[in-house]
Amino acid sequence: MSLKTYFKESMTDFNNVTWPTRNQAIRITIVVFVFMIIAAFALGFVDAIFSELYQSFL
């Protein structure tokens, strides 16, 4: 397959993509940020517990 054919097929596929609306993109972005914050707090909590356990063993 030539480079020209690759780009031509890529553009065809790119034009067939169903893009989200602006409101859908905003909602999805908010959901991602909320889950990131929840995950950060959860990992921080687990890290604090392990840190305290490690300090108690020393």
PDB file of N, CA and C in Angstrom:
ATOM      1  N   MET A   1       0.847  -1.173   0.000  1.00  0.00           N
ATOM      2  CA  MET A   1       0.000   0.000   0.000  1.00  0.00           C
ATOM      3  C   MET A   1       0.891   1.235   0.000  1.00  0.00           C
ATOM      4  N   SER A   2       0.572   2.148  -0.868  1.00  0.00           N
ATOM      5  CA  SER A   2       1.387   3.351  -0.970  1.00  0.00           C
ATOM      6  C   SER A   2       0.964   4.374   0.076  1.00  0.00           C
ATOM      7  N   LEU A   3       1.828   5.325   0.283  1.00  0.00           N
ATOM      8  CA  LEU A   3       1.568   6.384   1.258  1.00  0.00           C
ATOM      9  C   LEU A   3       0.364   7.219   0.837  1.00  0.00           C
ATOM     10  N   LYS A   4       0.236   7.457  -0.449  1.00  0.00           N
ATOM     11  CA  LYS A   4      -0.892   8.239  -0.967  1.00  0.00           C
ATOM     12  C   LYS A   4      -2.212   7.515  -0.692  1.00  0.00           C
ATOM     13  N   THR A   5      -2.250   6.213  -0.914  1.00  0.00           N
ATOM     14  CA  THR A   5      -3.446   5.419  -0.654  1.00  0.00           C
ATOM     15  C   THR A   5      -3.777   5.409   0.828  1.00  0.00           C
ATOM     16  N   TYR A   6      -2.766   5.304   1.654  1.00  0.00           N
ATOM     17  CA  TYR A   6      -2.969   5.311   3.108  1.00  0.00           C
ATOM     18  C   TYR A   6      -3.647   6.602   3.553  1.00  0.00           C
ATOM     19  N   PHE A   7      -3.134   7.755   3.112  1.00  0.00           N
ATOM     20  CA  PHE A   7      -3.717   9.036   3.504  1.00  0.00           C
ATOM     21  C   PHE A   7      -5.122   9.207   2.931  1.00  0.00           C
ATOM     22  N   LYS A   8      -5.344   8.741   1.716  1.00  0.00           N
ATOM     23  CA  LYS A   8      -6.668   8.838   1.111  1.00  0.00           C
ATOM     24  C   LYS A   8      -7.682   8.020   1.911  1.00  0.00           C
ATOM     25  N   GLU A   9      -7.324   6.799   2.281  1.00  0.00           N
ATOM     26  CA  GLU A   9      -8.221   5.958   3.074  1.00  0.00           C
ATOM     27  C   GLU A   9      -8.404   6.508   4.482  1.00  0.00           C
ATOM     28  N   SER A  10      -7.347   7.091   5.036  1.00  0.00           N
ATOM     29  CA  SER A  10      -7.442   7.695   6.374  1.00  0.00           C
ATOM     30  C   SER A  10      -8.422   8.862   6.365  1.00  0.00           C
ATOM     31  N   MET A  11      -8.367   9.694   5.337  1.00  0.00           N
ATOM     32  CA  MET A  11      -9.286  10.826   5.245  1.00  0.00           C
ATOM     33  C   MET A  11     -10.727  10.344   5.054  1.00  0.00           C
ATOM     34  N   THR A  12     -10.915   9.264   4.317  1.00  0.00           N
ATOM     35  CA  THR A  12     -12.252   8.695   4.132  1.00  0.00           C
ATOM     36  C   THR A  12     -12.796   8.220   5.474  1.00  0.00           C
ATOM     37  N   ASP A  13     -11.966   7.512   6.238  1.00  0.00           N
ATOM     38  CA  ASP A  13     -12.388   7.048   7.557  1.00  0.00           C
ATOM     39  C   ASP A  13     -12.628   8.232   8.498  1.00  0.00           C
ATOM     40  N   PHE A  14     -11.789   9.239   8.425  1.00  0.00           N
ATOM     41  CA  PHE A  14     -11.915  10.416   9.277  1.00  0.00           C
ATOM     42  C   PHE A  14     -13.241  11.129   9.024  1.00  0.00           C
ATOM     43  N   ASN A  15     -13.677  11.171   7.776  1.00  0.00           N
ATOM     44  CA  ASN A  15     -14.944  11.826   7.436  1.00  0.00           C
ATOM     45  C   ASN A  15     -16.160  11.013   7.871  1.00  0.00           C
ATOM     46  N   ASN A  16     -15.988   9.715   8.130  1.00  0.00           N
ATOM     47  CA  ASN A  16     -17.097   8.865   8.566  1.00  0.00           C
ATOM     48  C   ASN A  16     -17.261   8.836  10.077  1.00  0.00           C
ATOM     49  N   VAL A  17     -16.399   9.508  10.804  1.00  0.00           N
ATOM     50  CA  VAL A  17     -16.474   9.524  12.267  1.00  0.00           C
ATOM     51  C   VAL A  17     -17.676  10.346  12.700  1.00  0.00           C
ATOM     52  N   THR A  18     -18.413   9.833  13.695  1.00  0.00           N
ATOM     53  CA  THR A  18     -19.516  10.584  14.279  1.00  0.00           C
ATOM     54  C   THR A  18     -18.969  11.337  15.477  1.00  0.00           C
ATOM     55  N   TRP A  19     -18.855  12.649  15.355  1.00  0.00           N
ATOM     56  CA  TRP A  19     -18.281  13.460  16.403  1.00  0.00           C
ATOM     57  C   TRP A  19     -19.348  13.839  17.417  1.00  0.00           C
ATOM     58  N   PRO A  20     -18.989  13.915  18.704  1.00  0.00           N
ATOM     59  CA  PRO A  20     -19.982  14.328  19.706  1.00  0.00           C
ATOM     60  C   PRO A  20     -20.325  15.808  19.551  1.00  0.00           C
ATOM     61  N   THR A  21     -21.532  16.140  20.008  1.00  0.00           N
ATOM     62  CA  THR A  21     -21.911  17.548  19.994  1.00  0.00           C
ATOM     63  C   THR A  21     -21.119  18.276  21.071  1.00  0.00           C
ATOM     64  N   ARG A  22     -21.211  19.595  21.066  1.00  0.00           N
ATOM     65  CA  ARG A  22     -20.495  20.395  22.063  1.00  0.00           C
ATOM     66  C   ARG A  22     -20.958  20.040  23.479  1.00  0.00           C
ATOM     67  N   ASN A  23     -22.271  19.905  23.665  1.00  0.00           N
ATOM     68  CA  ASN A  23     -22.806  19.571  24.995  1.00  0.00           C
ATOM     69  C   ASN A  23     -22.371  18.183  25.440  1.00  0.00           C
ATOM     70  N   GLN A  24     -22.351  17.221  24.536  1.00  0.00           N
ATOM     71  CA  GLN A  24     -21.886  15.877  24.877  1.00  0.00           C
ATOM     72  C   GLN A  24     -20.412  15.904  25.278  1.00  0.00           C
ATOM     73  N   ALA A  25     -19.607  16.648  24.545  1.00  0.00           N
ATOM     74  CA  ALA A  25     -18.176  16.734  24.855  1.00  0.00           C
ATOM     75  C   ALA A  25     -17.951  17.374  26.218  1.00  0.00           C
ATOM     76  N   ILE A  26     -18.735  18.404  26.539  1.00  0.00           N
ATOM     77  CA  ILE A  26     -18.600  19.055  27.851  1.00  0.00           C
ATOM     78  C   ILE A  26     -18.994  18.096  28.960  1.00  0.00           C
ATOM     79  N   ARG A  27     -20.113  17.375  28.788  1.00  0.00           N
ATOM     80  CA  ARG A  27     -20.546  16.418  29.818  1.00  0.00           C
ATOM     81  C   ARG A  27     -19.521  15.309  30.014  1.00  0.00           C
ATOM     82  N   ILE A  28     -18.993  14.781  28.927  1.00  0.00           N
ATOM     83  CA  ILE A  28     -17.995  13.714  29.019  1.00  0.00           C
ATOM     84  C   ILE A  28     -16.741  14.226  29.728  1.00  0.00           C
ATOM     85  N   THR A  29     -16.328  15.447  29.419  1.00  0.00           N
ATOM     86  CA  THR A  29     -15.154  16.036  30.057  1.00  0.00           C
ATOM     87  C   THR A  29     -15.372  16.196  31.558  1.00  0.00           C
ATOM     88  N   ILE A  30     -16.560  16.650  31.953  1.00  0.00           N
ATOM     89  CA  ILE A  30     -16.870  16.811  33.381  1.00  0.00           C
ATOM     90  C   ILE A  30     -16.839  15.459  34.086  1.00  0.00           C
ATOM     91  N   VAL A  31     -17.409  14.441  33.459  1.00  0.00           N
ATOM     92  CA  VAL A  31     -17.405  13.096  34.051  1.00  0.00           C
ATOM     93  C   VAL A  31     -15.974  12.601  34.244  1.00  0.00           C
ATOM     94  N   VAL A  32     -15.128  12.817  33.245  1.00  0.00           N
ATOM     95  CA  VAL A  32     -13.731  12.386  33.345  1.00  0.00           C
ATOM     96  C   VAL A  32     -13.031  13.102  34.497  1.00  0.00           C
ATOM     97  N   PHE A  33     -13.225  14.425  34.619  1.00  0.00           N
ATOM     98  CA  PHE A  33     -12.588  15.171  35.708  1.00  0.00           C
ATOM     99  C   PHE A  33     -13.077  14.715  37.068  1.00  0.00           C
ATOM    100  N   VAL A  34     -14.384  14.433  37.201  1.00  0.00           N
ATOM    101  CA  VAL A  34     -14.927  13.956  38.480  1.00  0.00           C
ATOM    102  C   VAL A  34     -14.290  12.621  38.848  1.00  0.00           C
ATOM    103  N   PHE A  35     -14.208  11.699  37.898  1.00  0.00           N
ATOM    104  CA  PHE A  35     -13.581  10.407  38.184  1.00  0.00           C
ATOM    105  C   PHE A  35     -12.092  10.546  38.487  1.00  0.00           C
ATOM    106  N   MET A  36     -11.424  11.493  37.826  1.00  0.00           N
ATOM    107  CA  MET A  36     -10.002  11.729  38.131  1.00  0.00           C
ATOM    108  C   MET A  36      -9.835  12.216  39.566  1.00  0.00           C
ATOM    109  N   ILE A  37     -10.700  13.112  40.001  1.00  0.00           N
ATOM    110  CA  ILE A  37     -10.612  13.630  41.361  1.00  0.00           C
ATOM    111  C   ILE A  37     -10.902  12.526  42.370  1.00  0.00           C
ATOM    112  N   ILE A  38     -11.938  11.720  42.108  1.00  0.00           N
ATOM    113  CA  ILE A  38     -12.264  10.607  43.005  1.00  0.00           C
ATOM    114  C   ILE A  38     -11.095   9.625  43.072  1.00  0.00           C
ATOM    115  N   ALA A  39     -10.520   9.301  41.936  1.00  0.00           N
ATOM    116  CA  ALA A  39      -9.388   8.360  41.909  1.00  0.00           C
ATOM    117  C   ALA A  39      -8.190   8.941  42.642  1.00  0.00           C
ATOM    118  N   ALA A  40      -7.936  10.237  42.496  1.00  0.00           N
ATOM    119  CA  ALA A  40      -6.806  10.864  43.180  1.00  0.00           C
ATOM    120  C   ALA A  40      -6.981  10.791  44.691  1.00  0.00           C
ATOM    121  N   PHE A  41      -8.182  11.089  45.181  1.00  0.00           N
ATOM    122  CA  PHE A  41      -8.433  10.998  46.619  1.00  0.00           C
ATOM    123  C   PHE A  41      -8.323   9.554  47.112  1.00  0.00           C
ATOM    124  N   ALA A  42      -8.851   8.610  46.339  1.00  0.00           N
ATOM    125  CA  ALA A  42      -8.785   7.206  46.738  1.00  0.00           C
ATOM    126  C   ALA A  42      -7.333   6.731  46.803  1.00  0.00           C
ATOM    127  N   LEU A  43      -6.550   7.064  45.790  1.00  0.00           N
ATOM    128  CA  LEU A  43      -5.146   6.655  45.790  1.00  0.00           C
ATOM    129  C   LEU A  43      -4.364   7.358  46.893  1.00  0.00           C
ATOM    130  N   GLY A  44      -4.678   8.618  47.139  1.00  0.00           N
ATOM    131  CA  GLY A  44      -4.027   9.333  48.233  1.00  0.00           C
ATOM    132  C   GLY A  44      -4.353   8.716  49.575  1.00  0.00           C
ATOM    133  N   PHE A  45      -5.603   8.301  49.756  1.00  0.00           N
ATOM    134  CA  PHE A  45      -6.020   7.655  50.995  1.00  0.00           C
ATOM    135  C   PHE A  45      -5.284   6.328  51.196  1.00  0.00           C
ATOM    136  N   VAL A  46      -5.240   5.520  50.145  1.00  0.00           N
ATOM    137  CA  VAL A  46      -4.533   4.232  50.228  1.00  0.00           C
ATOM    138  C   VAL A  46      -3.053   4.463  50.485  1.00  0.00           C
ATOM    139  N   ASP A  47      -2.469   5.459  49.844  1.00  0.00           N
ATOM    140  CA  ASP A  47      -1.059   5.781  50.056  1.00  0.00           C
ATOM    141  C   ASP A  47      -0.810   6.199  51.502  1.00  0.00           C
ATOM    142  N   ALA A  48      -1.709   6.991  52.067  1.00  0.00           N
ATOM    143  CA  ALA A  48      -1.556   7.424  53.457  1.00  0.00           C
ATOM    144  C   ALA A  48      -1.639   6.235  54.405  1.00  0.00           C
ATOM    145  N   ILE A  49      -2.553   5.314  54.138  1.00  0.00           N
ATOM    146  CA  ILE A  49      -2.675   4.114  54.981  1.00  0.00           C
ATOM    147  C   ILE A  49      -1.401   3.291  54.906  1.00  0.00           C
ATOM    148  N   PHE A  50      -0.916   3.042  53.701  1.00  0.00           N
ATOM    149  CA  PHE A  50       0.309   2.252  53.566  1.00  0.00           C
ATOM    150  C   PHE A  50       1.504   2.959  54.199  1.00  0.00           C
ATOM    151  N   SER A  51       1.550   4.269  54.090  1.00  0.00           N
ATOM    152  CA  SER A  51       2.631   5.033  54.697  1.00  0.00           C
ATOM    153  C   SER A  51       2.603   4.886  56.215  1.00  0.00           C
ATOM    154  N   GLU A  52       1.417   4.986  56.801  1.00  0.00           N
ATOM    155  CA  GLU A  52       1.290   4.816  58.255  1.00  0.00           C
ATOM    156  C   GLU A  52       1.647   3.397  58.673  1.00  0.00           C
ATOM    157  N   LEU A  53       1.218   2.417  57.907  1.00  0.00           N
ATOM    158  CA  LEU A  53       1.569   1.015  58.227  1.00  0.00           C
ATOM    159  C   LEU A  53       3.074   0.804  58.146  1.00  0.00           C
ATOM    160  N   TYR A  54       3.702   1.376  57.129  1.00  0.00           N
ATOM    161  CA  TYR A  54       5.144   1.254  56.968  1.00  0.00           C
ATOM    162  C   TYR A  54       5.876   1.909  58.137  1.00  0.00           C
ATOM    163  N   GLN A  55       5.419   3.092  58.540  1.00  0.00           N
ATOM    164  CA  GLN A  55       6.054   3.797  59.655  1.00  0.00           C
ATOM    165  C   GLN A  55       5.875   3.015  60.960  1.00  0.00           C
ATOM    166  N   SER A  56       4.740   2.348  61.135  1.00  0.00           N
ATOM    167  CA  SER A  56       4.506   1.595  62.365  1.00  0.00           C
ATOM    168  C   SER A  56       5.409   0.353  62.436  1.00  0.00           C
ATOM    169  N   PHE A  57       5.792  -0.200  61.293  1.00  0.00           N
ATOM    170  CA  PHE A  57       6.686  -1.352  61.293  1.00  0.00           C
ATOM    171  C   PHE A  57       8.130  -0.954  61.562  1.00  0.00           C
ATOM    172  N   LEU A  58       8.471   0.285  61.322  1.00  0.00           N
ATOM    173  CA  LEU A  58       9.841   0.738  61.560  1.00  0.00           C
ATOM    174  C   LEU A  58       9.994   1.065  62.978  1.00  0.00           C
TER     175      LEU A  58
END
